[in-house]
Protein backbone atom coordinates (compact mmCIF):
# COMPACT_ATOMS: atom_id res chain seq x y z
CA MET A 1 9.25 19.98 4.45
CA GLU A 2 9.04 18.27 1.14
CA SER A 3 12.68 17.86 1.05
CA SER A 4 12.71 15.51 4.23
CA LYS A 5 10.96 12.95 2.51
CA PRO A 6 12.80 10.05 1.34
CA ALA A 7 13.89 10.54 -2.11
CA ARG A 8 12.02 7.55 -3.23
CA VAL A 9 8.74 9.00 -1.93
CA ARG A 10 9.44 12.18 -3.35
CA ILE A 11 9.94 10.57 -6.97
CA LEU A 12 6.83 8.87 -6.55
CA ASP A 13 5.12 11.95 -5.59
CA ALA A 14 6.55 13.82 -8.37
CA ALA A 15 5.58 11.21 -10.71
CA HIS A 16 2.25 10.92 -9.97
CA GLU A 17 1.68 14.60 -10.15
CA LEU A 18 3.21 14.99 -13.77
CA MET A 19 1.37 12.07 -15.09
CA LEU A 20 -2.02 13.21 -13.84
CA THR A 21 -1.04 16.68 -15.26
CA VAL A 22 0.95 16.27 -18.36
CA GLY A 23 0.06 12.43 -19.16
CA LEU A 24 2.28 9.53 -19.09
CA ALA A 25 3.69 10.15 -22.65
CA ARG A 26 5.30 13.62 -21.79
CA ALA A 27 6.25 13.13 -17.96
CA THR A 28 10.11 12.20 -18.72
CA THR A 29 12.43 10.86 -16.23
CA LYS A 30 14.36 14.06 -16.32
CA GLU A 31 11.35 16.14 -15.49
CA ILE A 32 10.14 13.70 -12.83
CA ALA A 33 13.62 13.98 -11.14
CA LYS A 34 13.68 17.63 -11.34
CA ALA A 35 10.39 17.93 -9.65
CA ALA A 36 11.32 15.59 -7.13
CA GLY A 37 14.43 17.60 -6.22
CA CYS A 38 17.05 14.91 -7.23
CA SER A 39 19.19 13.81 -10.54
CA GLU A 40 17.99 11.50 -12.93
CA ALA A 41 20.85 9.20 -11.83
CA ALA A 42 19.33 8.92 -8.23
CA LEU A 43 15.80 8.32 -9.97
CA TYR A 44 17.46 5.23 -11.67
CA LYS A 45 18.77 3.83 -8.45
CA TYR A 46 15.11 3.02 -7.46
CA PHE A 47 13.40 2.54 -10.53
CA ALA A 48 14.73 0.85 -13.50
CA SER A 49 12.66 2.59 -16.11
CA LYS A 50 9.78 4.91 -16.59
CA GLU A 51 7.47 1.99 -17.00
CA GLU A 52 8.67 0.41 -13.56
CA LEU A 53 8.10 3.86 -12.05
CA PHE A 54 4.34 3.86 -13.63
CA ILE A 55 3.77 0.68 -12.08
CA ARG A 56 4.77 1.78 -8.77
CA VAL A 57 2.55 4.82 -9.12
CA LEU A 58 -0.29 2.65 -9.93
CA ALA A 59 0.59 0.18 -6.94
CA GLU A 60 1.36 2.78 -4.26
CA ARG A 61 -0.69 6.14 -5.11
CA LEU A 62 -3.85 4.94 -6.69
CA PRO A 63 -6.61 2.58 -4.98
CA GLN A 64 -5.42 -0.79 -4.15
CA LEU A 65 -7.50 -2.94 -6.59
CA THR A 66 -4.83 -5.54 -7.35
CA PRO A 67 -3.97 -6.52 -3.67
CA LEU A 68 -7.83 -6.43 -2.80
CA LEU A 69 -8.72 -9.02 -5.73
CA GLN A 70 -5.40 -10.89 -4.42
CA SER A 71 -6.39 -11.16 -0.98
CA LEU A 72 -9.98 -12.18 -1.94
CA ALA A 73 -8.79 -14.87 -4.25
CA ALA A 74 -6.43 -16.38 -1.40
CA GLU A 75 -9.38 -16.47 1.07
CA PRO A 76 -12.39 -17.27 -0.83
CA GLY A 77 -15.77 -17.41 1.22
CA GLN A 78 -14.83 -14.67 3.37
CA HIS A 79 -17.76 -12.06 4.13
CA SER A 80 -20.47 -12.06 1.47
CA LEU A 81 -20.09 -12.55 -2.09
CA GLU A 82 -22.40 -9.61 -2.71
CA ASP A 83 -20.27 -7.35 -0.31
CA ASN A 84 -17.20 -8.36 -1.87
CA LEU A 85 -18.15 -7.39 -5.34
CA ILE A 86 -19.39 -4.27 -4.29
CA GLU A 87 -16.00 -3.44 -2.75
CA ILE A 88 -14.42 -4.46 -5.87
CA ALA A 89 -16.71 -2.54 -8.16
CA ARG A 90 -15.89 0.46 -5.67
CA GLN A 91 -12.37 0.19 -5.70
CA ALA A 92 -12.31 -0.50 -9.66
CA ALA A 93 -14.42 2.59 -10.55
CA LEU A 94 -11.81 4.58 -8.14
CA PHE A 95 -8.78 3.05 -9.68
CA TYR A 96 -9.80 3.30 -13.13
CA GLU A 97 -10.83 7.24 -12.69
CA GLN A 98 -7.41 8.01 -11.41
CA SER A 99 -5.35 5.92 -13.80
CA PHE A 100 -7.08 6.77 -17.13
CA PRO A 101 -5.90 10.57 -17.03
CA ILE A 102 -2.35 9.30 -16.54
CA ALA A 103 -2.32 6.72 -19.34
CA ALA A 104 -4.63 8.27 -21.95
CA SER A 105 -1.92 10.52 -23.51
CA LEU A 106 -0.16 7.12 -24.88
CA TYR A 107 -3.05 6.13 -26.93
CA ALA A 108 -2.25 9.47 -29.18
CA GLU A 109 1.12 8.09 -30.01
CA THR A 110 0.94 4.90 -31.39
CA GLN A 111 4.72 4.21 -31.52
CA LEU A 112 5.23 5.11 -28.00
CA LYS A 113 2.10 2.89 -26.97
CA ARG A 114 3.56 -0.21 -28.74
CA ARG A 115 7.04 0.52 -26.77
CA HIS A 116 5.13 0.93 -23.47
CA ASP A 117 2.92 -2.16 -23.67
CA GLU A 118 5.92 -4.21 -24.60
CA ALA A 119 8.05 -2.74 -21.44
CA LEU A 120 4.99 -3.90 -19.50
CA ARG A 121 5.02 -7.33 -20.93
CA GLN A 122 8.55 -7.65 -19.67
CA LEU A 123 7.60 -6.37 -16.33
CA GLY A 124 4.83 -8.94 -16.12
CA SER A 125 2.12 -5.76 -15.71
CA GLY A 126 -0.64 -4.27 -17.75
CA PRO A 127 -4.20 -3.32 -17.70
CA HIS A 128 -5.25 -7.12 -18.25
CA LYS A 129 -4.12 -7.96 -14.82
CA PRO A 130 -6.91 -6.76 -12.96
CA ILE A 131 -9.10 -8.91 -15.23
CA GLU A 132 -7.06 -11.76 -14.55
CA GLY A 133 -6.84 -11.25 -10.81
CA LEU A 134 -11.11 -10.83 -10.85
CA ASP A 135 -11.21 -13.85 -12.91
CA ALA A 136 -8.96 -15.91 -10.34
CA TYR A 137 -11.16 -14.62 -7.38
CA LEU A 138 -14.53 -15.75 -9.15
CA ARG A 139 -12.90 -19.07 -9.79
CA ALA A 140 -12.10 -19.31 -6.42
CA GLU A 141 -15.52 -18.62 -5.18
CA GLN A 142 -16.64 -21.30 -7.72
CA ALA A 143 -14.93 -24.04 -6.57
CA ALA A 144 -15.97 -23.13 -2.83
CA GLY A 145 -19.46 -23.43 -4.10
CA ARG A 146 -20.78 -19.58 -3.90
CA VAL A 147 -20.85 -19.17 -7.66
CA ARG A 148 -22.49 -21.46 -10.15
CA ARG A 149 -20.50 -23.93 -11.75
CA ASP A 150 -21.66 -22.98 -15.20
CA VAL A 151 -20.47 -19.24 -15.03
CA ASP A 152 -17.93 -17.98 -17.40
CA THR A 153 -15.59 -16.31 -14.69
CA PHE A 154 -13.66 -14.47 -17.28
CA ALA A 155 -16.70 -12.89 -19.14
CA ALA A 156 -17.90 -11.98 -15.57
CA ALA A 157 -14.77 -10.22 -14.64
CA SER A 158 -14.50 -8.37 -17.88
CA LEU A 159 -18.25 -7.20 -17.78
CA LEU A 160 -17.79 -6.06 -14.16
CA LEU A 161 -14.16 -4.11 -14.54
CA GLY A 162 -15.55 -3.07 -18.32
CA ALA A 163 -18.50 -1.21 -16.53
CA CYS A 164 -16.14 0.38 -13.93
CA ALA A 165 -13.69 1.51 -16.95
CA GLN A 166 -16.35 2.81 -18.83
CA ARG A 167 -17.51 5.12 -16.19
CA VAL A 168 -14.55 7.29 -16.57
CA PHE A 169 -15.46 8.64 -19.83
CA ALA A 170 -19.21 7.62 -20.93
CA TYR A 171 -20.95 10.57 -19.21
CA GLU A 172 -19.14 13.47 -20.22
CA ALA A 173 -21.30 14.25 -23.08
CA THR A 174 -24.58 14.28 -21.02
CA GLN A 175 -26.40 17.12 -19.97
CA THR A 176 -24.72 17.05 -16.35
CA GLY A 177 -21.36 15.67 -17.70
CA VAL A 178 -21.29 14.35 -14.25
CA ARG A 179 -20.26 10.55 -13.65
CA PRO A 180 -22.77 8.50 -11.49
CA PRO A 181 -21.38 8.56 -7.66
CA VAL A 182 -18.92 5.51 -7.19
CA ASP A 183 -21.20 4.69 -3.87
CA GLU A 184 -24.22 4.26 -6.09
CA PHE A 185 -22.69 2.75 -9.08
CA ALA A 186 -20.70 0.33 -7.40
CA PRO A 187 -23.52 -1.46 -5.49
CA ARG A 188 -25.94 -1.47 -8.81
CA ILE A 189 -23.17 -3.01 -11.05
CA ALA A 190 -21.94 -5.69 -8.38
CA ARG A 191 -25.60 -6.81 -7.82
CA THR A 192 -26.79 -6.92 -11.32
CA LEU A 193 -23.50 -9.21 -12.20
CA LEU A 194 -24.49 -11.08 -8.99
CA GLY A 195 -27.65 -11.76 -10.19
CA GLY A 196 -26.49 -13.77 -13.19
CA ILE A 197 -23.57 -15.69 -11.30
CA SER A 198 -24.63 -16.51 -7.53
CA VAL A 199 -25.95 -19.88 -6.75
CA ALA A 200 -28.52 -18.38 -4.59
CA GLU A 201 -31.91 -17.80 -6.41
CA ASP A 202 -32.31 -14.44 -4.70
CA PRO A 203 -29.09 -12.86 -3.94
CA SER A 204 -30.80 -9.97 -2.13
CA GLY A 205 -32.31 -12.33 0.30
CA PRO A 206 -35.64 -12.84 1.80
């Protein structure tokens, strides 16, 4: 039964659903609390603000991009660089695919977006964090000798994640209106980047 779930779980579920259907700008804490079957005061016992709730939805209801980047940066040299970049590209493509519909409504309301961005700064979060996380991982691999020393790791991180983000909206006007499938897209993006940053002359092997 839905009501048997803990209040925090119900709130996150309701927030996720409302943010997906009406957008972050219109998903008020009052409506989220109502959908979760609790009071707005109860919501604020678990989450200090709608911005904090948004961050927790991203962290707990969407593909786990940030934890993946953190774990890889903490232990560079694990698995092949190619496999790691493919998994990062796959998780990033899925993360952006699910997070963009939630946050897109903010871009239509300039003042609201400014307030939201300021709140994210105070919470130490924001859309720049995955770039910083991938940059940190690539720098760790650089120190481990698997990424060329002359590579601009920030630029490389921006290229990979930028391509994954663009996949969300760049194909809707094509004849089919269909995005490239993640399991085809991720290896192509990762291997193309790998060709420019790996210390190996031929990253695909013999």
